[in-house]
Amino acid sequence: MNPILLSGLVGAMVGAAAAITAQFVGHHLATKRELLRFQIQSFERFRREFSEDENLRAISIKKEPLTDDEIDDYLGFFEEIGLYFHRNLVDLELVDEILGDSIMDAWQDEHIRKAIGSVRGAEDDPTYFRYFERLAKYMIEMRDKRTKKES
């Protein structure tokens, strides 16, 4: 085979591979940028809702036990954040900074845990509030790791 033809063929193959690689890398970076943008927007929505929604704000500072309706509101809000966490659609570090203590406190609250157990038992469905549970347990685990690391 002619060396000039062979080098032209190799050059074309290398050029095509470089173009495909550039397309792949460009698409990957654009997707990553969009995901980050969505994560930040999601976090902003949750932060705004938590700080501006009168019911959630009142629940978060309430000292006496929560009513069933208040527990439902709180759990619904945290379940949604947990779903976004499960789908990697929210920046967990931001959520932890602003909502982490409230999420962990809610999970560790005896009345809220009993309410979750009651719903799961009444509906005969152990998956109720599973995303909130996973989120809270993950955040507690991360806090414990940070605490051990700092000691």
N, C-alpha and C. Protein backbone atom coordinates (compact mmCIF):
# COMPACT_ATOMS: atom_id res chain seq x y z
N MET A 1 0.84 -1.17 0.00
CA MET A 1 0.00 0.00 0.00
C MET A 1 0.89 1.23 0.00
N ASN A 2 0.45 2.25 -0.64
CA ASN A 2 1.17 3.50 -0.78
C ASN A 2 1.31 4.17 0.59
N PRO A 3 2.56 4.54 1.01
CA PRO A 3 2.76 5.16 2.32
C PRO A 3 2.00 6.48 2.47
N ILE A 4 1.84 7.23 1.41
CA ILE A 4 1.11 8.50 1.51
C ILE A 4 -0.36 8.21 1.78
N LEU A 5 -0.90 7.24 1.07
CA LEU A 5 -2.30 6.86 1.27
C LEU A 5 -2.51 6.31 2.68
N LEU A 6 -1.58 5.50 3.13
CA LEU A 6 -1.66 4.94 4.48
C LEU A 6 -1.60 6.03 5.54
N SER A 7 -0.69 6.99 5.39
CA SER A 7 -0.59 8.06 6.38
C SER A 7 -1.84 8.94 6.35
N GLY A 8 -2.42 9.14 5.17
CA GLY A 8 -3.67 9.91 5.07
C GLY A 8 -4.81 9.19 5.76
N LEU A 9 -4.85 7.88 5.60
CA LEU A 9 -5.90 7.07 6.25
C LEU A 9 -5.74 7.10 7.76
N VAL A 10 -4.52 6.95 8.25
CA VAL A 10 -4.25 7.00 9.69
C VAL A 10 -4.60 8.39 10.23
N GLY A 11 -4.23 9.44 9.50
CA GLY A 11 -4.55 10.80 9.91
C GLY A 11 -6.05 11.04 10.00
N ALA A 12 -6.79 10.51 9.04
CA ALA A 12 -8.25 10.66 9.04
C ALA A 12 -8.86 9.93 10.24
N MET A 13 -8.33 8.73 10.53
CA MET A 13 -8.84 7.97 11.67
C MET A 13 -8.55 8.69 12.98
N VAL A 14 -7.35 9.23 13.11
CA VAL A 14 -6.98 9.96 14.32
C VAL A 14 -7.86 11.21 14.44
N GLY A 15 -8.08 11.92 13.34
CA GLY A 15 -8.93 13.11 13.36
C GLY A 15 -10.35 12.77 13.75
N ALA A 16 -10.89 11.66 13.22
CA ALA A 16 -12.25 11.24 13.56
C ALA A 16 -12.34 10.87 15.04
N ALA A 17 -11.34 10.17 15.55
CA ALA A 17 -11.33 9.78 16.96
C ALA A 17 -11.25 11.02 17.85
N ALA A 18 -10.45 11.99 17.44
CA ALA A 18 -10.33 13.23 18.23
C ALA A 18 -11.66 13.98 18.23
N ALA A 19 -12.34 14.02 17.10
CA ALA A 19 -13.63 14.71 17.01
C ALA A 19 -14.68 14.02 17.88
N ILE A 20 -14.70 12.70 17.85
CA ILE A 20 -15.65 11.95 18.68
C ILE A 20 -15.34 12.17 20.16
N THR A 21 -14.07 12.14 20.50
CA THR A 21 -13.67 12.37 21.90
C THR A 21 -14.06 13.77 22.34
N ALA A 22 -13.84 14.76 21.50
CA ALA A 22 -14.19 16.14 21.83
C ALA A 22 -15.70 16.27 22.04
N GLN A 23 -16.48 15.62 21.21
CA GLN A 23 -17.94 15.63 21.36
C GLN A 23 -18.35 15.00 22.68
N PHE A 24 -17.76 13.87 22.99
CA PHE A 24 -18.08 13.16 24.23
C PHE A 24 -17.72 14.01 25.45
N VAL A 25 -16.53 14.57 25.45
CA VAL A 25 -16.07 15.39 26.58
C VAL A 25 -16.94 16.64 26.70
N GLY A 26 -17.24 17.28 25.59
CA GLY A 26 -18.09 18.46 25.61
C GLY A 26 -19.47 18.16 26.16
N HIS A 27 -20.04 17.05 25.73
CA HIS A 27 -21.36 16.64 26.23
C HIS A 27 -21.30 16.34 27.72
N HIS A 28 -20.27 15.64 28.14
CA HIS A 28 -20.11 15.30 29.56
C HIS A 28 -20.00 16.56 30.41
N LEU A 29 -19.20 17.51 29.98
CA LEU A 29 -19.04 18.75 30.73
C LEU A 29 -20.32 19.57 30.77
N ALA A 30 -21.04 19.61 29.67
CA ALA A 30 -22.31 20.35 29.62
C ALA A 30 -23.33 19.69 30.55
N THR A 31 -23.38 18.38 30.54
CA THR A 31 -24.31 17.65 31.42
C THR A 31 -23.96 17.90 32.88
N LYS A 32 -22.68 17.87 33.18
CA LYS A 32 -22.23 18.11 34.56
C LYS A 32 -22.58 19.53 35.00
N ARG A 33 -22.39 20.50 34.12
CA ARG A 33 -22.72 21.89 34.41
C ARG A 33 -24.23 22.05 34.66
N GLU A 34 -25.04 21.41 33.84
CA GLU A 34 -26.50 21.47 34.00
C GLU A 34 -26.94 20.83 35.31
N LEU A 35 -26.34 19.72 35.66
CA LEU A 35 -26.68 19.05 36.92
C LEU A 35 -26.32 19.95 38.10
N LEU A 36 -25.16 20.55 38.07
CA LEU A 36 -24.76 21.46 39.14
C LEU A 36 -25.72 22.63 39.25
N ARG A 37 -26.10 23.20 38.11
CA ARG A 37 -27.05 24.31 38.11
C ARG A 37 -28.37 23.87 38.72
N PHE A 38 -28.85 22.69 38.33
CA PHE A 38 -30.11 22.18 38.86
C PHE A 38 -30.00 21.91 40.36
N GLN A 39 -28.88 21.36 40.80
CA GLN A 39 -28.68 21.09 42.23
C GLN A 39 -28.74 22.38 43.04
N ILE A 40 -28.13 23.42 42.54
CA ILE A 40 -28.14 24.70 43.25
C ILE A 40 -29.54 25.30 43.25
N GLN A 41 -30.23 25.22 42.13
CA GLN A 41 -31.61 25.72 42.07
C GLN A 41 -32.51 24.94 43.02
N SER A 42 -32.33 23.64 43.07
CA SER A 42 -33.14 22.81 43.97
C SER A 42 -32.87 23.20 45.42
N PHE A 43 -31.61 23.34 45.75
CA PHE A 43 -31.26 23.74 47.11
C PHE A 43 -31.89 25.10 47.44
N GLU A 44 -31.78 26.06 46.53
CA GLU A 44 -32.35 27.39 46.77
C GLU A 44 -33.85 27.29 47.01
N ARG A 45 -34.52 26.46 46.24
CA ARG A 45 -35.96 26.28 46.42
C ARG A 45 -36.27 25.72 47.80
N PHE A 46 -35.53 24.71 48.22
CA PHE A 46 -35.75 24.11 49.54
C PHE A 46 -35.43 25.11 50.65
N ARG A 47 -34.32 25.84 50.51
CA ARG A 47 -33.95 26.81 51.52
C ARG A 47 -35.01 27.89 51.66
N ARG A 48 -35.46 28.39 50.51
CA ARG A 48 -36.48 29.44 50.52
C ARG A 48 -37.78 28.93 51.12
N GLU A 49 -38.18 27.74 50.71
CA GLU A 49 -39.42 27.17 51.24
C GLU A 49 -39.33 26.97 52.75
N PHE A 50 -38.20 26.46 53.23
CA PHE A 50 -38.04 26.20 54.66
C PHE A 50 -38.03 27.50 55.46
N SER A 51 -37.42 28.54 54.92
CA SER A 51 -37.33 29.78 55.68
C SER A 51 -38.52 30.70 55.50
N GLU A 52 -39.26 30.55 54.39
CA GLU A 52 -40.36 31.47 54.12
C GLU A 52 -41.74 30.87 54.34
N ASP A 53 -41.87 29.57 54.30
CA ASP A 53 -43.17 28.95 54.53
C ASP A 53 -43.51 29.07 56.01
N GLU A 54 -44.62 29.73 56.29
CA GLU A 54 -44.98 30.00 57.69
C GLU A 54 -45.15 28.71 58.50
N ASN A 55 -45.79 27.71 57.91
CA ASN A 55 -46.00 26.44 58.64
C ASN A 55 -44.67 25.77 58.97
N LEU A 56 -43.80 25.65 57.98
CA LEU A 56 -42.51 24.98 58.22
C LEU A 56 -41.66 25.77 59.20
N ARG A 57 -41.68 27.09 59.09
CA ARG A 57 -40.90 27.90 60.02
C ARG A 57 -41.40 27.74 61.45
N ALA A 58 -42.72 27.75 61.61
CA ALA A 58 -43.31 27.58 62.94
C ALA A 58 -43.00 26.19 63.51
N ILE A 59 -43.06 25.19 62.65
CA ILE A 59 -42.77 23.82 63.09
C ILE A 59 -41.31 23.70 63.54
N SER A 60 -40.42 24.31 62.78
CA SER A 60 -38.99 24.15 63.07
C SER A 60 -38.57 24.76 64.40
N ILE A 61 -39.34 25.73 64.91
CA ILE A 61 -38.95 26.36 66.19
C ILE A 61 -39.89 25.98 67.34
N LYS A 62 -40.86 25.15 67.06
CA LYS A 62 -41.85 24.78 68.07
C LYS A 62 -41.20 23.94 69.16
N LYS A 63 -41.51 24.24 70.40
CA LYS A 63 -40.92 23.51 71.53
C LYS A 63 -41.78 22.33 71.97
N GLU A 64 -43.10 22.49 71.97
CA GLU A 64 -43.98 21.41 72.40
C GLU A 64 -44.13 20.38 71.27
N PRO A 65 -44.64 19.20 71.58
CA PRO A 65 -44.79 18.16 70.56
C PRO A 65 -45.62 18.64 69.37
N LEU A 66 -45.25 18.16 68.21
CA LEU A 66 -45.95 18.55 66.98
C LEU A 66 -47.28 17.81 66.86
N THR A 67 -48.24 18.46 66.19
CA THR A 67 -49.51 17.80 65.89
C THR A 67 -49.29 16.85 64.72
N ASP A 68 -50.27 15.99 64.47
CA ASP A 68 -50.16 15.07 63.34
C ASP A 68 -50.03 15.83 62.01
N ASP A 69 -50.79 16.91 61.85
CA ASP A 69 -50.71 17.71 60.62
C ASP A 69 -49.33 18.35 60.47
N GLU A 70 -48.76 18.84 61.55
CA GLU A 70 -47.43 19.44 61.50
C GLU A 70 -46.38 18.39 61.14
N ILE A 71 -46.52 17.22 61.72
CA ILE A 71 -45.59 16.13 61.39
C ILE A 71 -45.71 15.78 59.91
N ASP A 72 -46.94 15.71 59.39
CA ASP A 72 -47.13 15.41 57.97
C ASP A 72 -46.46 16.47 57.09
N ASP A 73 -46.62 17.75 57.44
CA ASP A 73 -45.99 18.82 56.66
C ASP A 73 -44.48 18.69 56.68
N TYR A 74 -43.94 18.48 57.86
CA TYR A 74 -42.49 18.37 58.03
C TYR A 74 -41.94 17.17 57.26
N LEU A 75 -42.59 16.03 57.44
CA LEU A 75 -42.12 14.82 56.78
C LEU A 75 -42.24 14.92 55.26
N GLY A 76 -43.32 15.52 54.79
CA GLY A 76 -43.48 15.69 53.35
C GLY A 76 -42.36 16.53 52.76
N PHE A 77 -42.01 17.60 53.45
CA PHE A 77 -40.93 18.47 53.00
C PHE A 77 -39.60 17.72 52.98
N PHE A 78 -39.29 17.04 54.07
CA PHE A 78 -38.02 16.32 54.16
C PHE A 78 -37.99 15.09 53.24
N GLU A 79 -39.13 14.49 53.00
CA GLU A 79 -39.19 13.36 52.07
C GLU A 79 -38.84 13.82 50.66
N GLU A 80 -39.31 14.99 50.28
CA GLU A 80 -38.99 15.51 48.95
C GLU A 80 -37.49 15.79 48.82
N ILE A 81 -36.90 16.38 49.84
CA ILE A 81 -35.45 16.60 49.81
C ILE A 81 -34.74 15.25 49.73
N GLY A 82 -35.23 14.26 50.49
CA GLY A 82 -34.64 12.93 50.45
C GLY A 82 -34.71 12.30 49.07
N LEU A 83 -35.82 12.53 48.37
CA LEU A 83 -35.95 12.00 47.01
C LEU A 83 -34.93 12.67 46.09
N TYR A 84 -34.78 13.97 46.21
CA TYR A 84 -33.77 14.68 45.40
C TYR A 84 -32.37 14.16 45.75
N PHE A 85 -32.11 13.91 47.02
CA PHE A 85 -30.83 13.35 47.45
C PHE A 85 -30.63 11.97 46.81
N HIS A 86 -31.65 11.14 46.86
CA HIS A 86 -31.58 9.79 46.30
C HIS A 86 -31.25 9.83 44.80
N ARG A 87 -31.77 10.81 44.10
CA ARG A 87 -31.55 10.95 42.65
C ARG A 87 -30.34 11.83 42.32
N ASN A 88 -29.59 12.23 43.35
CA ASN A 88 -28.41 13.09 43.19
C ASN A 88 -28.78 14.40 42.50
N LEU A 89 -29.92 14.97 42.90
CA LEU A 89 -30.39 16.21 42.29
C LEU A 89 -30.29 17.41 43.23
N VAL A 90 -29.62 17.24 44.35
CA VAL A 90 -29.42 18.35 45.27
C VAL A 90 -28.01 18.26 45.84
N ASP A 91 -27.42 19.41 46.05
CA ASP A 91 -26.07 19.46 46.63
C ASP A 91 -26.20 19.21 48.13
N LEU A 92 -25.77 18.05 48.56
CA LEU A 92 -25.95 17.64 49.96
C LEU A 92 -25.16 18.51 50.93
N GLU A 93 -24.02 19.02 50.53
CA GLU A 93 -23.26 19.89 51.42
C GLU A 93 -24.03 21.17 51.73
N LEU A 94 -24.69 21.73 50.73
CA LEU A 94 -25.50 22.91 50.97
C LEU A 94 -26.70 22.59 51.86
N VAL A 95 -27.36 21.47 51.57
CA VAL A 95 -28.50 21.05 52.39
C VAL A 95 -28.05 20.85 53.83
N ASP A 96 -26.92 20.22 54.01
CA ASP A 96 -26.41 19.97 55.35
C ASP A 96 -26.14 21.28 56.09
N GLU A 97 -25.56 22.24 55.40
CA GLU A 97 -25.23 23.53 56.04
C GLU A 97 -26.48 24.24 56.55
N ILE A 98 -27.55 24.22 55.80
CA ILE A 98 -28.73 25.01 56.13
C ILE A 98 -29.81 24.18 56.83
N LEU A 99 -30.03 22.96 56.38
CA LEU A 99 -31.15 22.15 56.89
C LEU A 99 -30.72 20.91 57.65
N GLY A 100 -29.43 20.64 57.68
CA GLY A 100 -28.94 19.39 58.25
C GLY A 100 -29.39 19.12 59.67
N ASP A 101 -29.25 20.11 60.54
CA ASP A 101 -29.64 19.91 61.94
C ASP A 101 -31.14 19.62 62.06
N SER A 102 -31.94 20.33 61.29
CA SER A 102 -33.39 20.11 61.34
C SER A 102 -33.76 18.72 60.84
N ILE A 103 -33.09 18.27 59.79
CA ILE A 103 -33.37 16.94 59.24
C ILE A 103 -32.97 15.86 60.25
N MET A 104 -31.77 15.99 60.81
CA MET A 104 -31.30 14.99 61.78
C MET A 104 -32.15 15.02 63.04
N ASP A 105 -32.49 16.21 63.53
CA ASP A 105 -33.33 16.32 64.72
C ASP A 105 -34.70 15.70 64.48
N ALA A 106 -35.26 15.94 63.29
CA ALA A 106 -36.58 15.38 62.97
C ALA A 106 -36.52 13.85 62.99
N TRP A 107 -35.46 13.28 62.40
CA TRP A 107 -35.35 11.82 62.37
C TRP A 107 -35.19 11.26 63.78
N GLN A 108 -34.49 11.97 64.63
CA GLN A 108 -34.23 11.47 65.97
C GLN A 108 -35.34 11.80 66.96
N ASP A 109 -36.36 12.56 66.52
CA ASP A 109 -37.48 12.91 67.38
C ASP A 109 -38.40 11.70 67.58
N GLU A 110 -38.66 11.38 68.83
CA GLU A 110 -39.46 10.19 69.19
C GLU A 110 -40.86 10.25 68.59
N HIS A 111 -41.51 11.41 68.64
CA HIS A 111 -42.88 11.54 68.13
C HIS A 111 -42.93 11.38 66.61
N ILE A 112 -41.95 11.94 65.95
CA ILE A 112 -41.91 11.82 64.49
C ILE A 112 -41.63 10.38 64.09
N ARG A 113 -40.73 9.72 64.78
CA ARG A 113 -40.44 8.31 64.46
C ARG A 113 -41.67 7.44 64.69
N LYS A 114 -42.42 7.73 65.76
CA LYS A 114 -43.65 6.96 66.01
C LYS A 114 -44.67 7.22 64.91
N ALA A 115 -44.77 8.46 64.46
CA ALA A 115 -45.70 8.79 63.38
C ALA A 115 -45.33 8.04 62.10
N ILE A 116 -44.04 7.97 61.81
CA ILE A 116 -43.59 7.24 60.62
C ILE A 116 -43.95 5.76 60.76
N GLY A 117 -43.68 5.20 61.93
CA GLY A 117 -44.03 3.79 62.17
C GLY A 117 -45.52 3.56 62.04
N SER A 118 -46.33 4.49 62.53
CA SER A 118 -47.79 4.35 62.44
C SER A 118 -48.26 4.36 61.00
N VAL A 119 -47.73 5.28 60.20
CA VAL A 119 -48.12 5.34 58.79
C VAL A 119 -47.69 4.07 58.08
N ARG A 120 -46.47 3.64 58.32
CA ARG A 120 -45.98 2.42 57.67
C ARG A 120 -46.83 1.21 58.05
N GLY A 121 -47.20 1.14 59.35
CA GLY A 121 -48.02 0.02 59.80
C GLY A 121 -49.44 0.10 59.27
N ALA A 122 -50.04 1.28 59.32
CA ALA A 122 -51.43 1.45 58.86
C ALA A 122 -51.56 1.17 57.37
N GLU A 123 -50.58 1.56 56.62
CA GLU A 123 -50.62 1.36 55.17
C GLU A 123 -50.01 0.02 54.77
N ASP A 124 -49.46 -0.69 55.74
CA ASP A 124 -48.76 -1.95 55.47
C ASP A 124 -47.73 -1.77 54.36
N ASP A 125 -46.98 -0.68 54.49
CA ASP A 125 -45.98 -0.33 53.48
C ASP A 125 -44.77 0.30 54.17
N PRO A 126 -43.68 -0.45 54.28
CA PRO A 126 -42.50 0.05 54.98
C PRO A 126 -41.71 1.10 54.20
N THR A 127 -42.18 1.45 52.99
CA THR A 127 -41.43 2.41 52.19
C THR A 127 -41.85 3.86 52.43
N TYR A 128 -42.91 4.08 53.21
CA TYR A 128 -43.31 5.45 53.49
C TYR A 128 -42.16 6.20 54.16
N PHE A 129 -41.83 7.35 53.64
CA PHE A 129 -40.78 8.24 54.17
C PHE A 129 -39.39 7.60 54.13
N ARG A 130 -39.18 6.68 53.21
CA ARG A 130 -37.88 6.02 53.11
C ARG A 130 -36.79 6.98 52.64
N TYR A 131 -37.15 7.93 51.78
CA TYR A 131 -36.13 8.86 51.29
C TYR A 131 -35.69 9.80 52.41
N PHE A 132 -36.63 10.24 53.22
CA PHE A 132 -36.28 11.05 54.39
C PHE A 132 -35.39 10.24 55.33
N GLU A 133 -35.75 9.00 55.57
CA GLU A 133 -34.96 8.14 56.46
C GLU A 133 -33.54 7.97 55.94
N ARG A 134 -33.40 7.68 54.65
CA ARG A 134 -32.06 7.50 54.07
C ARG A 134 -31.24 8.78 54.17
N LEU A 135 -31.88 9.91 53.87
CA LEU A 135 -31.20 11.19 53.95
C LEU A 135 -30.73 11.47 55.37
N ALA A 136 -31.61 11.31 56.33
CA ALA A 136 -31.26 11.60 57.73
C ALA A 136 -30.14 10.67 58.21
N LYS A 137 -30.25 9.39 57.91
CA LYS A 137 -29.21 8.45 58.34
C LYS A 137 -27.87 8.77 57.69
N TYR A 138 -27.90 9.14 56.42
CA TYR A 138 -26.67 9.51 55.73
C TYR A 138 -26.05 10.74 56.37
N MET A 139 -26.88 11.74 56.66
CA MET A 139 -26.37 12.97 57.27
C MET A 139 -25.81 12.70 58.67
N ILE A 140 -26.46 11.85 59.42
CA ILE A 140 -25.96 11.49 60.75
C ILE A 140 -24.62 10.77 60.63
N GLU A 141 -24.53 9.86 59.68
CA GLU A 141 -23.27 9.14 59.45
C GLU A 141 -22.14 10.11 59.06
N MET A 142 -22.44 11.06 58.18
CA MET A 142 -21.42 12.03 57.77
C MET A 142 -21.02 12.94 58.94
N ARG A 143 -21.99 13.33 59.75
CA ARG A 143 -21.68 14.16 60.93
C ARG A 143 -20.78 13.38 61.88
N ASP A 144 -21.11 12.11 62.11
CA ASP A 144 -20.30 11.29 63.01
C ASP A 144 -18.87 11.12 62.48
N LYS A 145 -18.73 10.95 61.17
CA LYS A 145 -17.38 10.84 60.58
C LYS A 145 -16.61 12.14 60.75
N ARG A 146 -17.29 13.28 60.54
CA ARG A 146 -16.63 14.58 60.73
C ARG A 146 -16.19 14.76 62.17
N THR A 147 -17.06 14.36 63.09
CA THR A 147 -16.76 14.51 64.52
C THR A 147 -15.55 13.67 64.90
N LYS A 148 -15.49 12.44 64.41
CA LYS A 148 -14.35 11.56 64.70
C LYS A 148 -13.07 12.12 64.08
N LYS A 149 -13.20 12.67 62.89
CA LYS A 149 -12.03 13.21 62.18
C LYS A 149 -11.48 14.43 62.91
N GLU A 150 -12.36 15.25 63.47
CA GLU A 150 -11.95 16.46 64.17
C GLU A 150 -11.37 16.17 65.55
N SER A 151 -11.65 15.00 66.12
CA SER A 151 -11.17 14.67 67.47
C SER A 151 -9.72 14.25 67.47
